[in-house]
């Protein structure tokens, strides 16, 4: 099984401690107490949301995960963020499409997270991506996802509420 990026989306989410968890993705709407709880795990913490960069800077987090608007030029949206982060981690969430994967890869993020779009084609897209690109891939698991969906990825993003359901 790939390593897990545990998504903490709300103050009520449990901060699980498990060796399978590589890092935490924290929503920018979390209260300071929850952010401190996540930081205190000692694992990598990445901010996510519209104010992720500000959150990353305020709490000196390890980086940002950005979900750009794919109807607008990705390079323009991500280039400034990449420059602001300097040596911190950048993850990019995109739909499971070839075009967006190639465009996001040009910014050289540390990893690309694919959101499911079409169950019949998603596995094919992941296989294509992994054959051509060196940038690690991740799969954004949805409720009801099976381990087969993300067997070809380096990481899987799992919501804290679904952590137990994935056999963790």
N, C-alpha and C. Protein backbone atom coordinates (compact mmCIF):
# COMPACT_ATOMS: atom_id res chain seq x y z
N UNK A 1 0.84 -1.19 0.00
CA UNK A 1 0.00 0.00 0.00
C UNK A 1 0.88 1.24 0.00
N UNK A 2 0.48 2.28 -0.73
CA UNK A 2 1.27 3.51 -0.74
C UNK A 2 1.21 4.22 0.61
N UNK A 3 2.14 5.14 0.80
CA UNK A 3 2.12 5.97 2.02
C UNK A 3 0.89 6.86 2.00
N UNK A 4 0.46 7.29 3.17
CA UNK A 4 -0.77 8.06 3.30
C UNK A 4 -0.48 9.53 3.60
N UNK A 5 -1.24 10.39 2.92
CA UNK A 5 -1.33 11.80 3.26
C UNK A 5 -2.69 11.93 3.93
N UNK A 6 -2.72 12.21 5.21
CA UNK A 6 -3.98 12.29 5.95
C UNK A 6 -4.52 13.71 5.90
N UNK A 7 -5.71 13.86 5.33
CA UNK A 7 -6.34 15.17 5.18
C UNK A 7 -7.19 15.48 6.39
N UNK A 8 -6.80 16.52 7.12
CA UNK A 8 -7.56 17.00 8.27
C UNK A 8 -8.36 18.21 7.78
N UNK A 9 -9.67 18.02 7.60
CA UNK A 9 -10.51 19.04 6.99
C UNK A 9 -11.27 19.90 7.99
N UNK A 10 -11.49 19.37 9.19
CA UNK A 10 -12.27 20.14 10.16
C UNK A 10 -11.73 19.93 11.57
N UNK A 11 -12.15 20.82 12.47
CA UNK A 11 -11.69 20.76 13.85
C UNK A 11 -12.10 19.46 14.53
N UNK A 12 -13.17 18.84 14.04
CA UNK A 12 -13.64 17.58 14.63
C UNK A 12 -12.91 16.35 14.13
N UNK A 13 -12.06 16.49 13.12
CA UNK A 13 -11.32 15.35 12.59
C UNK A 13 -10.27 14.88 13.59
N UNK A 14 -10.15 13.58 13.72
CA UNK A 14 -9.13 12.99 14.59
C UNK A 14 -7.78 13.05 13.89
N UNK A 15 -6.76 13.42 14.64
CA UNK A 15 -5.38 13.41 14.12
C UNK A 15 -4.81 12.03 14.45
N UNK A 16 -4.91 11.13 13.50
CA UNK A 16 -4.44 9.77 13.68
C UNK A 16 -2.91 9.75 13.71
N UNK A 17 -2.36 8.87 14.52
CA UNK A 17 -0.92 8.65 14.58
C UNK A 17 -0.68 7.22 14.10
N UNK A 18 0.04 7.08 13.00
CA UNK A 18 0.25 5.77 12.42
C UNK A 18 1.49 5.84 11.54
N UNK A 19 2.29 4.78 11.52
CA UNK A 19 3.51 4.76 10.70
C UNK A 19 3.21 4.85 9.21
N UNK A 20 2.01 4.48 8.79
CA UNK A 20 1.66 4.55 7.37
C UNK A 20 1.44 5.98 6.90
N UNK A 21 1.25 6.90 7.85
CA UNK A 21 1.01 8.30 7.50
C UNK A 21 2.34 8.98 7.24
N UNK A 22 2.51 9.45 6.00
CA UNK A 22 3.74 10.16 5.62
C UNK A 22 3.67 11.62 6.02
N UNK A 23 2.49 12.21 5.86
CA UNK A 23 2.33 13.62 6.23
C UNK A 23 0.86 13.94 6.39
N UNK A 24 0.60 15.16 6.84
CA UNK A 24 -0.76 15.64 7.04
C UNK A 24 -1.02 16.80 6.09
N UNK A 25 -2.22 16.86 5.56
CA UNK A 25 -2.67 17.97 4.75
C UNK A 25 -3.75 18.66 5.58
N UNK A 26 -3.48 19.89 6.00
CA UNK A 26 -4.36 20.60 6.92
C UNK A 26 -5.12 21.70 6.20
N UNK A 27 -6.44 21.71 6.35
CA UNK A 27 -7.27 22.75 5.74
C UNK A 27 -6.95 24.09 6.38
N UNK A 28 -7.00 25.13 5.56
CA UNK A 28 -6.67 26.47 6.05
C UNK A 28 -7.75 27.06 6.95
N UNK A 29 -8.83 26.34 7.16
CA UNK A 29 -9.92 26.80 8.03
C UNK A 29 -9.81 26.24 9.45
N UNK A 30 -8.78 25.46 9.71
CA UNK A 30 -8.64 24.83 11.03
C UNK A 30 -8.27 25.86 12.09
N UNK A 31 -8.76 25.65 13.32
CA UNK A 31 -8.36 26.55 14.40
C UNK A 31 -6.91 26.29 14.81
N UNK A 32 -6.32 27.26 15.44
CA UNK A 32 -4.91 27.18 15.83
C UNK A 32 -4.61 25.95 16.70
N UNK A 33 -5.52 25.60 17.59
CA UNK A 33 -5.31 24.45 18.46
C UNK A 33 -5.17 23.15 17.65
N UNK A 34 -5.98 22.99 16.62
CA UNK A 34 -5.92 21.78 15.79
C UNK A 34 -4.62 21.77 14.97
N UNK A 35 -4.22 22.93 14.48
CA UNK A 35 -2.96 23.03 13.73
C UNK A 35 -1.79 22.64 14.63
N UNK A 36 -1.81 23.11 15.86
CA UNK A 36 -0.74 22.76 16.82
C UNK A 36 -0.73 21.26 17.09
N UNK A 37 -1.91 20.67 17.20
CA UNK A 37 -2.00 19.22 17.42
C UNK A 37 -1.35 18.46 16.25
N UNK A 38 -1.60 18.92 15.04
CA UNK A 38 -1.03 18.28 13.85
C UNK A 38 0.49 18.47 13.83
N UNK A 39 0.94 19.67 14.08
CA UNK A 39 2.38 19.97 14.10
C UNK A 39 3.09 19.11 15.13
N UNK A 40 2.46 18.90 16.28
CA UNK A 40 3.07 18.13 17.36
C UNK A 40 3.24 16.65 17.06
N UNK A 41 2.70 16.15 15.95
CA UNK A 41 2.92 14.76 15.56
C UNK A 41 4.37 14.55 15.12
N UNK A 42 5.04 15.64 14.73
CA UNK A 42 6.41 15.53 14.26
C UNK A 42 6.53 15.16 12.79
N UNK A 43 5.40 14.97 12.13
CA UNK A 43 5.40 14.63 10.70
C UNK A 43 5.29 15.91 9.87
N UNK A 44 5.53 15.76 8.58
CA UNK A 44 5.39 16.87 7.64
C UNK A 44 3.94 17.34 7.64
N UNK A 45 3.75 18.68 7.58
CA UNK A 45 2.41 19.26 7.53
C UNK A 45 2.34 20.21 6.34
N UNK A 46 1.34 19.99 5.49
CA UNK A 46 1.12 20.80 4.31
C UNK A 46 -0.22 21.51 4.44
N UNK A 47 -0.25 22.80 4.12
CA UNK A 47 -1.48 23.58 4.19
C UNK A 47 -2.27 23.42 2.89
N UNK A 48 -3.59 23.46 3.01
CA UNK A 48 -4.46 23.32 1.84
C UNK A 48 -5.61 24.31 1.94
N UNK A 49 -5.91 24.98 0.83
CA UNK A 49 -7.05 25.89 0.78
C UNK A 49 -6.65 27.22 0.19
N UNK A 50 -7.62 28.12 0.12
CA UNK A 50 -7.40 29.44 -0.49
C UNK A 50 -6.32 30.25 0.23
N UNK A 51 -6.20 30.06 1.54
CA UNK A 51 -5.22 30.80 2.34
C UNK A 51 -4.06 29.92 2.79
N UNK A 52 -3.77 28.89 2.01
CA UNK A 52 -2.74 27.92 2.39
C UNK A 52 -1.36 28.55 2.51
N UNK A 53 -1.00 29.43 1.61
CA UNK A 53 0.32 30.05 1.67
C UNK A 53 0.47 30.87 2.95
N UNK A 54 -0.53 31.66 3.30
CA UNK A 54 -0.48 32.45 4.53
C UNK A 54 -0.38 31.54 5.76
N UNK A 55 -1.13 30.44 5.74
CA UNK A 55 -1.09 29.48 6.85
C UNK A 55 0.29 28.85 6.95
N UNK A 56 0.86 28.48 5.82
CA UNK A 56 2.19 27.88 5.78
C UNK A 56 3.22 28.83 6.38
N UNK A 57 3.15 30.09 6.00
CA UNK A 57 4.10 31.08 6.50
C UNK A 57 3.88 31.37 7.99
N UNK A 58 2.63 31.50 8.40
CA UNK A 58 2.32 31.83 9.79
C UNK A 58 2.81 30.75 10.76
N UNK A 59 2.61 29.49 10.40
CA UNK A 59 2.96 28.38 11.30
C UNK A 59 4.26 27.68 10.90
N UNK A 60 4.96 28.23 9.92
CA UNK A 60 6.20 27.65 9.41
C UNK A 60 6.00 26.16 9.07
N UNK A 61 4.96 25.91 8.28
CA UNK A 61 4.66 24.54 7.86
C UNK A 61 5.63 24.12 6.75
N UNK A 62 5.54 22.88 6.37
CA UNK A 62 6.48 22.31 5.41
C UNK A 62 6.16 22.61 3.95
N UNK A 63 4.95 23.09 3.69
CA UNK A 63 4.60 23.40 2.32
C UNK A 63 3.11 23.57 2.13
N UNK A 64 2.71 23.54 0.84
CA UNK A 64 1.34 23.84 0.44
C UNK A 64 0.87 22.82 -0.60
N UNK A 65 -0.40 22.48 -0.53
CA UNK A 65 -1.05 21.71 -1.58
C UNK A 65 -2.05 22.65 -2.23
N UNK A 66 -1.94 22.80 -3.54
CA UNK A 66 -2.79 23.74 -4.29
C UNK A 66 -3.65 22.98 -5.28
N UNK A 67 -4.93 23.36 -5.34
CA UNK A 67 -5.83 22.83 -6.36
C UNK A 67 -6.17 23.99 -7.29
N UNK A 68 -5.40 24.12 -8.38
CA UNK A 68 -5.62 25.25 -9.28
C UNK A 68 -6.90 25.09 -10.09
N UNK A 69 -7.36 26.21 -10.63
CA UNK A 69 -8.50 26.23 -11.53
C UNK A 69 -8.00 25.76 -12.89
N UNK A 70 -8.40 24.57 -13.32
CA UNK A 70 -7.87 24.01 -14.56
C UNK A 70 -8.42 24.69 -15.81
N UNK A 71 -9.39 25.59 -15.65
CA UNK A 71 -9.89 26.34 -16.80
C UNK A 71 -9.02 27.56 -17.09
N UNK A 72 -8.06 27.83 -16.19
CA UNK A 72 -7.12 28.94 -16.36
C UNK A 72 -5.72 28.36 -16.49
N UNK A 73 -4.79 29.12 -17.07
CA UNK A 73 -3.42 28.59 -17.24
C UNK A 73 -2.78 28.15 -15.92
N UNK A 74 -2.44 26.87 -15.84
CA UNK A 74 -1.86 26.32 -14.61
C UNK A 74 -0.51 26.94 -14.30
N UNK A 75 0.30 27.14 -15.31
CA UNK A 75 1.65 27.66 -15.11
C UNK A 75 1.61 29.01 -14.41
N UNK A 76 0.71 29.88 -14.83
CA UNK A 76 0.60 31.20 -14.23
C UNK A 76 0.16 31.09 -12.77
N UNK A 77 -0.81 30.21 -12.50
CA UNK A 77 -1.32 30.06 -11.14
C UNK A 77 -0.28 29.47 -10.19
N UNK A 78 0.55 28.58 -10.69
CA UNK A 78 1.47 27.85 -9.82
C UNK A 78 2.87 28.46 -9.75
N UNK A 79 3.27 29.22 -10.78
CA UNK A 79 4.62 29.75 -10.82
C UNK A 79 4.91 30.68 -9.63
N UNK A 80 4.00 31.59 -9.35
CA UNK A 80 4.20 32.52 -8.23
C UNK A 80 4.23 31.78 -6.90
N UNK A 81 3.36 30.80 -6.73
CA UNK A 81 3.34 30.01 -5.51
C UNK A 81 4.66 29.25 -5.35
N UNK A 82 5.13 28.64 -6.43
CA UNK A 82 6.40 27.90 -6.40
C UNK A 82 7.53 28.83 -5.94
N UNK A 83 7.56 30.06 -6.45
CA UNK A 83 8.60 31.03 -6.07
C UNK A 83 8.48 31.45 -4.61
N UNK A 84 7.25 31.65 -4.13
CA UNK A 84 7.04 32.04 -2.73
C UNK A 84 7.47 30.94 -1.77
N UNK A 85 7.24 29.70 -2.15
CA UNK A 85 7.56 28.58 -1.27
C UNK A 85 9.06 28.30 -1.18
N UNK A 86 9.81 28.78 -2.15
CA UNK A 86 11.26 28.54 -2.23
C UNK A 86 11.53 27.04 -2.15
N UNK A 87 12.11 26.57 -1.05
CA UNK A 87 12.48 25.16 -0.94
C UNK A 87 11.44 24.31 -0.21
N UNK A 88 10.31 24.91 0.11
CA UNK A 88 9.25 24.14 0.77
C UNK A 88 8.52 23.29 -0.26
N UNK A 89 7.75 22.36 0.22
CA UNK A 89 7.04 21.39 -0.62
C UNK A 89 5.82 22.00 -1.30
N UNK A 90 5.65 21.65 -2.58
CA UNK A 90 4.45 22.02 -3.32
C UNK A 90 3.82 20.76 -3.88
N UNK A 91 2.56 20.55 -3.52
CA UNK A 91 1.76 19.49 -4.11
C UNK A 91 0.64 20.13 -4.91
N UNK A 92 0.26 19.49 -6.00
CA UNK A 92 -0.77 20.03 -6.88
C UNK A 92 -1.86 19.00 -7.07
N UNK A 93 -3.12 19.42 -6.89
CA UNK A 93 -4.27 18.53 -7.11
C UNK A 93 -4.87 18.88 -8.47
N UNK A 94 -5.01 17.86 -9.31
CA UNK A 94 -5.61 18.05 -10.63
C UNK A 94 -6.56 16.89 -10.93
N UNK A 95 -7.47 17.09 -11.89
CA UNK A 95 -8.28 15.95 -12.31
C UNK A 95 -7.40 14.93 -13.03
N UNK A 96 -7.82 13.71 -13.05
CA UNK A 96 -7.04 12.64 -13.69
C UNK A 96 -7.16 12.75 -15.21
N UNK A 97 -6.44 13.73 -15.76
CA UNK A 97 -6.40 13.96 -17.21
C UNK A 97 -4.95 14.14 -17.64
N UNK A 98 -4.61 13.67 -18.82
CA UNK A 98 -3.25 13.78 -19.33
C UNK A 98 -2.79 15.23 -19.47
N UNK A 99 -3.63 16.05 -20.06
CA UNK A 99 -3.25 17.44 -20.33
C UNK A 99 -2.86 18.18 -19.05
N UNK A 100 -3.70 18.10 -18.03
CA UNK A 100 -3.41 18.78 -16.77
C UNK A 100 -2.17 18.20 -16.10
N UNK A 101 -1.96 16.90 -16.23
CA UNK A 101 -0.77 16.27 -15.64
C UNK A 101 0.50 16.82 -16.27
N UNK A 102 0.50 16.98 -17.58
CA UNK A 102 1.69 17.52 -18.25
C UNK A 102 1.93 18.98 -17.86
N UNK A 103 0.86 19.77 -17.82
CA UNK A 103 1.00 21.19 -17.46
C UNK A 103 1.47 21.36 -16.02
N UNK A 104 0.89 20.60 -15.11
CA UNK A 104 1.28 20.69 -13.69
C UNK A 104 2.73 20.25 -13.50
N UNK A 105 3.16 19.26 -14.26
CA UNK A 105 4.53 18.76 -14.16
C UNK A 105 5.57 19.78 -14.57
N UNK A 106 5.20 20.72 -15.43
CA UNK A 106 6.15 21.75 -15.87
C UNK A 106 6.59 22.65 -14.72
N UNK A 107 5.78 22.77 -13.68
CA UNK A 107 6.12 23.60 -12.52
C UNK A 107 7.05 22.85 -11.57
N UNK A 108 7.18 21.56 -11.77
CA UNK A 108 8.01 20.68 -10.96
C UNK A 108 7.62 20.67 -9.48
N UNK A 109 6.34 20.34 -9.22
CA UNK A 109 5.96 20.18 -7.81
C UNK A 109 6.62 18.92 -7.25
N UNK A 110 6.59 18.78 -5.95
CA UNK A 110 7.16 17.58 -5.33
C UNK A 110 6.27 16.36 -5.58
N UNK A 111 4.97 16.58 -5.76
CA UNK A 111 4.07 15.49 -6.11
C UNK A 111 2.80 16.05 -6.73
N UNK A 112 2.11 15.20 -7.48
CA UNK A 112 0.84 15.56 -8.10
C UNK A 112 -0.22 14.61 -7.58
N UNK A 113 -1.32 15.20 -7.09
CA UNK A 113 -2.45 14.42 -6.59
C UNK A 113 -3.53 14.41 -7.67
N UNK A 114 -3.95 13.21 -8.05
CA UNK A 114 -5.01 13.07 -9.03
C UNK A 114 -6.35 12.89 -8.33
N UNK A 115 -7.33 13.68 -8.76
CA UNK A 115 -8.71 13.51 -8.31
C UNK A 115 -9.41 12.59 -9.29
N UNK A 116 -10.18 11.63 -8.80
CA UNK A 116 -10.89 10.74 -9.71
C UNK A 116 -11.87 11.52 -10.60
N UNK A 117 -11.95 11.12 -11.86
CA UNK A 117 -12.90 11.76 -12.77
C UNK A 117 -13.76 10.74 -13.49
N UNK A 118 -13.15 9.65 -13.93
CA UNK A 118 -13.86 8.63 -14.69
C UNK A 118 -13.28 7.27 -14.31
N UNK A 119 -13.99 6.51 -13.48
CA UNK A 119 -13.44 5.24 -13.00
C UNK A 119 -12.90 4.33 -14.10
N UNK A 120 -13.50 4.38 -15.27
CA UNK A 120 -13.06 3.51 -16.36
C UNK A 120 -11.70 3.95 -16.92
N UNK A 121 -11.37 5.24 -16.81
CA UNK A 121 -10.12 5.75 -17.40
C UNK A 121 -9.06 6.13 -16.38
N UNK A 122 -9.45 6.35 -15.14
CA UNK A 122 -8.50 6.84 -14.14
C UNK A 122 -7.27 5.95 -13.99
N UNK A 123 -7.46 4.65 -13.92
CA UNK A 123 -6.34 3.72 -13.76
C UNK A 123 -5.40 3.80 -14.96
N UNK A 124 -5.97 3.95 -16.14
CA UNK A 124 -5.17 4.09 -17.36
C UNK A 124 -4.33 5.38 -17.31
N UNK A 125 -4.92 6.46 -16.83
CA UNK A 125 -4.21 7.74 -16.73
C UNK A 125 -3.05 7.61 -15.74
N UNK A 126 -3.30 6.97 -14.61
CA UNK A 126 -2.23 6.79 -13.61
C UNK A 126 -1.08 5.96 -14.18
N UNK A 127 -1.41 4.91 -14.88
CA UNK A 127 -0.38 4.06 -15.48
C UNK A 127 0.43 4.85 -16.50
N UNK A 128 -0.25 5.61 -17.36
CA UNK A 128 0.42 6.45 -18.35
C UNK A 128 1.36 7.45 -17.65
N UNK A 129 0.83 8.11 -16.63
CA UNK A 129 1.62 9.12 -15.90
C UNK A 129 2.87 8.48 -15.29
N UNK A 130 2.70 7.38 -14.60
CA UNK A 130 3.84 6.74 -13.92
C UNK A 130 4.89 6.21 -14.90
N UNK A 131 4.47 5.86 -16.11
CA UNK A 131 5.43 5.41 -17.13
C UNK A 131 6.27 6.55 -17.68
N UNK A 132 5.72 7.76 -17.70
CA UNK A 132 6.39 8.89 -18.35
C UNK A 132 7.05 9.91 -17.41
N UNK A 133 6.55 10.04 -16.19
CA UNK A 133 6.99 11.12 -15.32
C UNK A 133 7.68 10.60 -14.06
N UNK A 134 8.64 11.38 -13.59
CA UNK A 134 9.37 11.04 -12.37
C UNK A 134 8.77 11.67 -11.12
N UNK A 135 7.94 12.69 -11.31
CA UNK A 135 7.31 13.37 -10.16
C UNK A 135 6.35 12.39 -9.49
N UNK A 136 6.50 12.15 -8.18
CA UNK A 136 5.63 11.20 -7.49
C UNK A 136 4.15 11.53 -7.67
N UNK A 137 3.35 10.49 -7.70
CA UNK A 137 1.91 10.65 -7.87
C UNK A 137 1.17 10.26 -6.61
N UNK A 138 0.00 10.87 -6.47
CA UNK A 138 -0.88 10.55 -5.34
C UNK A 138 -2.31 10.46 -5.88
N UNK A 139 -3.15 9.76 -5.15
CA UNK A 139 -4.54 9.58 -5.52
C UNK A 139 -5.40 10.13 -4.41
N UNK A 140 -6.37 10.97 -4.75
CA UNK A 140 -7.28 11.52 -3.76
C UNK A 140 -8.43 10.54 -3.59
N UNK A 141 -8.37 9.73 -2.56
CA UNK A 141 -9.38 8.70 -2.33
C UNK A 141 -10.70 9.34 -1.92
N UNK A 142 -11.77 8.81 -2.46
CA UNK A 142 -13.10 9.26 -2.08
C UNK A 142 -13.75 8.15 -1.27
N UNK A 143 -14.83 8.49 -0.60
CA UNK A 143 -15.53 7.47 0.17
C UNK A 143 -15.96 6.36 -0.77
N UNK A 144 -15.67 5.15 -0.41
CA UNK A 144 -16.00 4.01 -1.25
C UNK A 144 -14.87 3.60 -2.20
N UNK A 145 -13.75 4.35 -2.16
CA UNK A 145 -12.60 3.97 -3.01
C UNK A 145 -12.06 2.63 -2.55
N UNK A 146 -11.49 1.90 -3.50
CA UNK A 146 -10.87 0.63 -3.16
C UNK A 146 -9.36 0.75 -3.31
N UNK A 147 -8.63 -0.13 -2.66
CA UNK A 147 -7.17 -0.09 -2.73
C UNK A 147 -6.67 -0.32 -4.15
N UNK A 148 -7.46 -0.98 -4.99
CA UNK A 148 -7.06 -1.19 -6.39
C UNK A 148 -6.91 0.12 -7.14
N UNK A 149 -7.70 1.12 -6.77
CA UNK A 149 -7.67 2.41 -7.46
C UNK A 149 -6.33 3.11 -7.30
N UNK A 150 -5.67 2.89 -6.18
CA UNK A 150 -4.42 3.61 -5.95
C UNK A 150 -3.23 2.69 -5.74
N UNK A 151 -3.28 1.53 -6.35
CA UNK A 151 -2.16 0.60 -6.21
C UNK A 151 -0.92 1.06 -6.98
N UNK A 152 -1.10 1.93 -7.97
CA UNK A 152 0.03 2.39 -8.78
C UNK A 152 0.59 3.74 -8.36
N UNK A 153 0.18 4.27 -7.23
CA UNK A 153 0.63 5.60 -6.82
C UNK A 153 1.60 5.51 -5.64
N UNK A 154 2.33 6.61 -5.45
CA UNK A 154 3.28 6.68 -4.33
C UNK A 154 2.58 7.02 -3.02
N UNK A 155 1.53 7.85 -3.11
CA UNK A 155 0.78 8.30 -1.93
C UNK A 155 -0.70 8.23 -2.22
N UNK A 156 -1.48 8.11 -1.16
CA UNK A 156 -2.93 8.23 -1.27
C UNK A 156 -3.38 9.24 -0.22
N UNK A 157 -4.23 10.17 -0.64
CA UNK A 157 -4.79 11.17 0.27
C UNK A 157 -6.09 10.60 0.81
N UNK A 158 -6.17 10.48 2.13
CA UNK A 158 -7.35 9.93 2.78
C UNK A 158 -7.83 10.93 3.81
N UNK A 159 -9.11 11.20 3.79
CA UNK A 159 -9.72 12.06 4.81
C UNK A 159 -9.66 11.38 6.16
N UNK A 160 -9.46 12.16 7.21
CA UNK A 160 -9.35 11.59 8.56
C UNK A 160 -10.58 10.78 8.94
N UNK A 161 -11.76 11.17 8.46
CA UNK A 161 -12.98 10.45 8.78
C UNK A 161 -13.02 9.06 8.14
N UNK A 162 -12.27 8.88 7.05
CA UNK A 162 -12.28 7.60 6.33
C UNK A 162 -11.04 6.73 6.62
N UNK A 163 -10.17 7.18 7.49
CA UNK A 163 -8.90 6.49 7.72
C UNK A 163 -9.10 5.03 8.12
N UNK A 164 -9.99 4.77 9.05
CA UNK A 164 -10.22 3.39 9.50
C UNK A 164 -10.81 2.52 8.39
N UNK A 165 -11.64 3.11 7.54
CA UNK A 165 -12.30 2.35 6.48
C UNK A 165 -11.36 1.85 5.41
N UNK A 166 -10.16 2.37 5.35
CA UNK A 166 -9.21 1.95 4.33
C UNK A 166 -8.29 0.86 4.85
N UNK A 167 -8.65 0.22 5.92
CA UNK A 167 -7.88 -0.90 6.44
C UNK A 167 -6.60 -0.46 7.12
N UNK A 168 -6.61 0.77 7.61
CA UNK A 168 -5.41 1.30 8.27
C UNK A 168 -5.46 1.04 9.75
